[in-house]
């Protein structure tokens, strides 16, 4: 007896679209973080001049670390948010939207720290 050919599940194309969109967003986020990290290497050059912000140029260096590593920590939190939302809660598009918002806090915090 021959079996009928198996059909792909109904959600397979949607999962593929989700994977492509999530991968593209991840690539963009890594590129943005790379550019921010490169920029943060030179952000301390304005300390000691009138252009440096009080928060970024304090002597402790804590805010410099926040500006440098904040986007990467936010990216890691966003990836965890998307994965948990897509796998555990089964709401991939909602978790992707939430992940984008979680990620956006990192670069926003870094830019706010430097430019005040």
C-alpha atoms as a PDB file:
ATOM      1  CA  UNK A   1       0.000   0.000   0.000  1.00  0.00           C
ATOM      2  CA  UNK A   2       1.239   3.446  -0.794  1.00  0.00           C
ATOM      3  CA  UNK A   3       0.788   6.289   1.593  1.00  0.00           C
ATOM      4  CA  UNK A   4      -0.279   9.705   0.390  1.00  0.00           C
ATOM      5  CA  UNK A   5       2.573  12.219   0.332  1.00  0.00           C
ATOM      6  CA  UNK A   6       2.839  14.153   3.553  1.00  0.00           C
ATOM      7  CA  UNK A   7       1.870  17.781   3.385  1.00  0.00           C
ATOM      8  CA  UNK A   8       3.786  20.468   5.204  1.00  0.00           C
ATOM      9  CA  UNK A   9       2.061  21.751   8.303  1.00  0.00           C
ATOM     10  CA  UNK A  10      -0.038  24.878   8.016  1.00  0.00           C
ATOM     11  CA  UNK A  11       2.326  27.011  10.110  1.00  0.00           C
ATOM     12  CA  UNK A  12       5.547  26.064   8.305  1.00  0.00           C
ATOM     13  CA  UNK A  13       5.634  29.077   5.926  1.00  0.00           C
ATOM     14  CA  UNK A  14       4.804  31.442   8.785  1.00  0.00           C
ATOM     15  CA  UNK A  15       7.586  29.972  10.906  1.00  0.00           C
ATOM     16  CA  UNK A  16      10.017  30.432   8.034  1.00  0.00           C
ATOM     17  CA  UNK A  17       8.987  34.073   7.634  1.00  0.00           C
ATOM     18  CA  UNK A  18       9.357  34.575  11.383  1.00  0.00           C
ATOM     19  CA  UNK A  19      12.841  33.027  11.342  1.00  0.00           C
ATOM     20  CA  UNK A  20      13.937  35.237   8.436  1.00  0.00           C
ATOM     21  CA  UNK A  21      12.558  38.416  10.035  1.00  0.00           C
ATOM     22  CA  UNK A  22      14.090  37.549  13.415  1.00  0.00           C
ATOM     23  CA  UNK A  23      17.439  36.787  11.758  1.00  0.00           C
ATOM     24  CA  UNK A  24      17.437  40.069   9.854  1.00  0.00           C
ATOM     25  CA  UNK A  25      16.562  42.022  12.992  1.00  0.00           C
ATOM     26  CA  UNK A  26      19.342  40.252  14.875  1.00  0.00           C
ATOM     27  CA  UNK A  27      21.841  41.113  12.133  1.00  0.00           C
ATOM     28  CA  UNK A  28      20.773  44.770  12.194  1.00  0.00           C
ATOM     29  CA  UNK A  29      21.036  44.861  16.001  1.00  0.00           C
ATOM     30  CA  UNK A  30      24.551  43.370  15.928  1.00  0.00           C
ATOM     31  CA  UNK A  31      25.598  45.944  13.305  1.00  0.00           C
ATOM     32  CA  UNK A  32      24.108  48.807  15.346  1.00  0.00           C
ATOM     33  CA  UNK A  33      25.839  47.541  18.492  1.00  0.00           C
ATOM     34  CA  UNK A  34      29.121  47.253  16.629  1.00  0.00           C
ATOM     35  CA  UNK A  35      28.869  50.847  15.446  1.00  0.00           C
ATOM     36  CA  UNK A  36      27.898  52.014  18.918  1.00  0.00           C
ATOM     37  CA  UNK A  37      30.823  50.148  20.473  1.00  0.00           C
ATOM     38  CA  UNK A  38      33.192  51.702  17.965  1.00  0.00           C
ATOM     39  CA  UNK A  39      31.775  55.148  18.708  1.00  0.00           C
ATOM     40  CA  UNK A  40      32.027  54.597  22.453  1.00  0.00           C
ATOM     41  CA  UNK A  41      35.761  54.002  22.091  1.00  0.00           C
ATOM     42  CA  UNK A  42      36.094  57.673  21.181  1.00  0.00           C
ATOM     43  CA  UNK A  43      33.284  59.132  23.297  1.00  0.00           C
ATOM     44  CA  UNK A  44      35.600  59.670  26.246  1.00  0.00           C
ATOM     45  CA  UNK A  45      37.751  62.030  24.198  1.00  0.00           C
ATOM     46  CA  UNK A  46      35.324  64.855  24.917  1.00  0.00           C
ATOM     47  CA  UNK A  47      35.725  64.469  28.696  1.00  0.00           C
ATOM     48  CA  UNK A  48      37.557  67.462  30.127  1.00  0.00           C
ATOM     49  CA  UNK A  49      36.043  69.790  27.550  1.00  0.00           C
ATOM     50  CA  UNK A  50      32.746  71.596  27.562  1.00  0.00           C
ATOM     51  CA  UNK A  51      31.334  68.949  25.190  1.00  0.00           C
ATOM     52  CA  UNK A  52      31.580  66.082  27.720  1.00  0.00           C
ATOM     53  CA  UNK A  53      28.479  65.299  29.747  1.00  0.00           C
ATOM     54  CA  UNK A  54      28.731  65.198  33.525  1.00  0.00           C
ATOM     55  CA  UNK A  55      27.204  61.732  33.718  1.00  0.00           C
ATOM     56  CA  UNK A  56      29.456  60.092  31.126  1.00  0.00           C
ATOM     57  CA  UNK A  57      32.653  61.777  32.280  1.00  0.00           C
ATOM     58  CA  UNK A  58      32.390  61.048  36.010  1.00  0.00           C
ATOM     59  CA  UNK A  59      35.508  59.625  37.639  1.00  0.00           C
ATOM     60  CA  UNK A  60      34.022  56.237  38.507  1.00  0.00           C
ATOM     61  CA  UNK A  61      33.721  55.051  34.906  1.00  0.00           C
ATOM     62  CA  UNK A  62      30.447  53.281  35.659  1.00  0.00           C
ATOM     63  CA  UNK A  63      28.508  55.229  33.042  1.00  0.00           C
ATOM     64  CA  UNK A  64      31.170  54.516  30.442  1.00  0.00           C
ATOM     65  CA  UNK A  65      30.639  50.812  31.093  1.00  0.00           C
ATOM     66  CA  UNK A  66      26.876  51.262  30.872  1.00  0.00           C
ATOM     67  CA  UNK A  67      27.245  53.038  27.545  1.00  0.00           C
ATOM     68  CA  UNK A  68      29.668  50.434  26.200  1.00  0.00           C
ATOM     69  CA  UNK A  69      27.980  47.226  27.356  1.00  0.00           C
ATOM     70  CA  UNK A  70      24.356  48.329  27.773  1.00  0.00           C
ATOM     71  CA  UNK A  71      23.398  47.651  24.135  1.00  0.00           C
ATOM     72  CA  UNK A  72      24.935  44.164  24.263  1.00  0.00           C
ATOM     73  CA  UNK A  73      23.134  43.294  27.503  1.00  0.00           C
ATOM     74  CA  UNK A  74      19.886  44.596  26.022  1.00  0.00           C
ATOM     75  CA  UNK A  75      20.462  42.481  22.900  1.00  0.00           C
ATOM     76  CA  UNK A  76      20.972  39.360  25.018  1.00  0.00           C
ATOM     77  CA  UNK A  77      17.794  40.148  26.984  1.00  0.00           C
ATOM     78  CA  UNK A  78      15.898  40.687  23.730  1.00  0.00           C
ATOM     79  CA  UNK A  79      17.056  37.340  22.326  1.00  0.00           C
ATOM     80  CA  UNK A  80      15.931  35.587  25.520  1.00  0.00           C
ATOM     81  CA  UNK A  81      12.584  37.417  25.332  1.00  0.00           C
ATOM     82  CA  UNK A  82      11.994  36.358  21.728  1.00  0.00           C
ATOM     83  CA  UNK A  83      13.050  32.750  22.251  1.00  0.00           C
ATOM     84  CA  UNK A  84      10.989  32.295  25.408  1.00  0.00           C
ATOM     85  CA  UNK A  85       7.988  34.014  23.878  1.00  0.00           C
ATOM     86  CA  UNK A  86       8.142  31.998  20.688  1.00  0.00           C
ATOM     87  CA  UNK A  87       8.830  28.612  22.282  1.00  0.00           C
ATOM     88  CA  UNK A  88       7.157  28.655  25.675  1.00  0.00           C
ATOM     89  CA  UNK A  89       4.217  30.997  25.146  1.00  0.00           C
ATOM     90  CA  UNK A  90       3.753  30.242  21.442  1.00  0.00           C
ATOM     91  CA  UNK A  91       3.331  33.931  20.541  1.00  0.00           C
ATOM     92  CA  UNK A  92       6.251  34.528  18.177  1.00  0.00           C
ATOM     93  CA  UNK A  93       5.191  37.840  16.630  1.00  0.00           C
ATOM     94  CA  UNK A  94       4.222  39.346  19.960  1.00  0.00           C
ATOM     95  CA  UNK A  95       7.510  38.223  21.480  1.00  0.00           C
ATOM     96  CA  UNK A  96       9.412  39.620  18.495  1.00  0.00           C
ATOM     97  CA  UNK A  97       7.767  42.998  18.981  1.00  0.00           C
ATOM     98  CA  UNK A  98       8.519  42.895  22.705  1.00  0.00           C
ATOM     99  CA  UNK A  99      12.102  41.835  21.935  1.00  0.00           C
ATOM    100  CA  UNK A 100      12.583  44.853  19.668  1.00  0.00           C
ATOM    101  CA  UNK A 101      11.359  47.126  22.458  1.00  0.00           C
ATOM    102  CA  UNK A 102      13.642  45.435  25.002  1.00  0.00           C
ATOM    103  CA  UNK A 103      16.600  45.811  22.646  1.00  0.00           C
ATOM    104  CA  UNK A 104      15.861  49.479  21.910  1.00  0.00           C
ATOM    105  CA  UNK A 105      16.416  50.360  25.567  1.00  0.00           C
ATOM    106  CA  UNK A 106      20.140  49.491  25.285  1.00  0.00           C
ATOM    107  CA  UNK A 107      21.130  51.863  22.483  1.00  0.00           C
ATOM    108  CA  UNK A 108      18.775  54.521  23.872  1.00  0.00           C
ATOM    109  CA  UNK A 109      20.452  54.296  27.280  1.00  0.00           C
ATOM    110  CA  UNK A 110      23.909  54.440  25.702  1.00  0.00           C
ATOM    111  CA  UNK A 111      23.076  57.500  23.624  1.00  0.00           C
ATOM    112  CA  UNK A 112      21.365  59.198  26.564  1.00  0.00           C
ATOM    113  CA  UNK A 113      24.428  58.521  28.715  1.00  0.00           C
ATOM    114  CA  UNK A 114      26.813  60.070  26.222  1.00  0.00           C
ATOM    115  CA  UNK A 115      24.741  62.951  24.890  1.00  0.00           C
ATOM    116  CA  UNK A 116      22.614  63.503  27.986  1.00  0.00           C
END
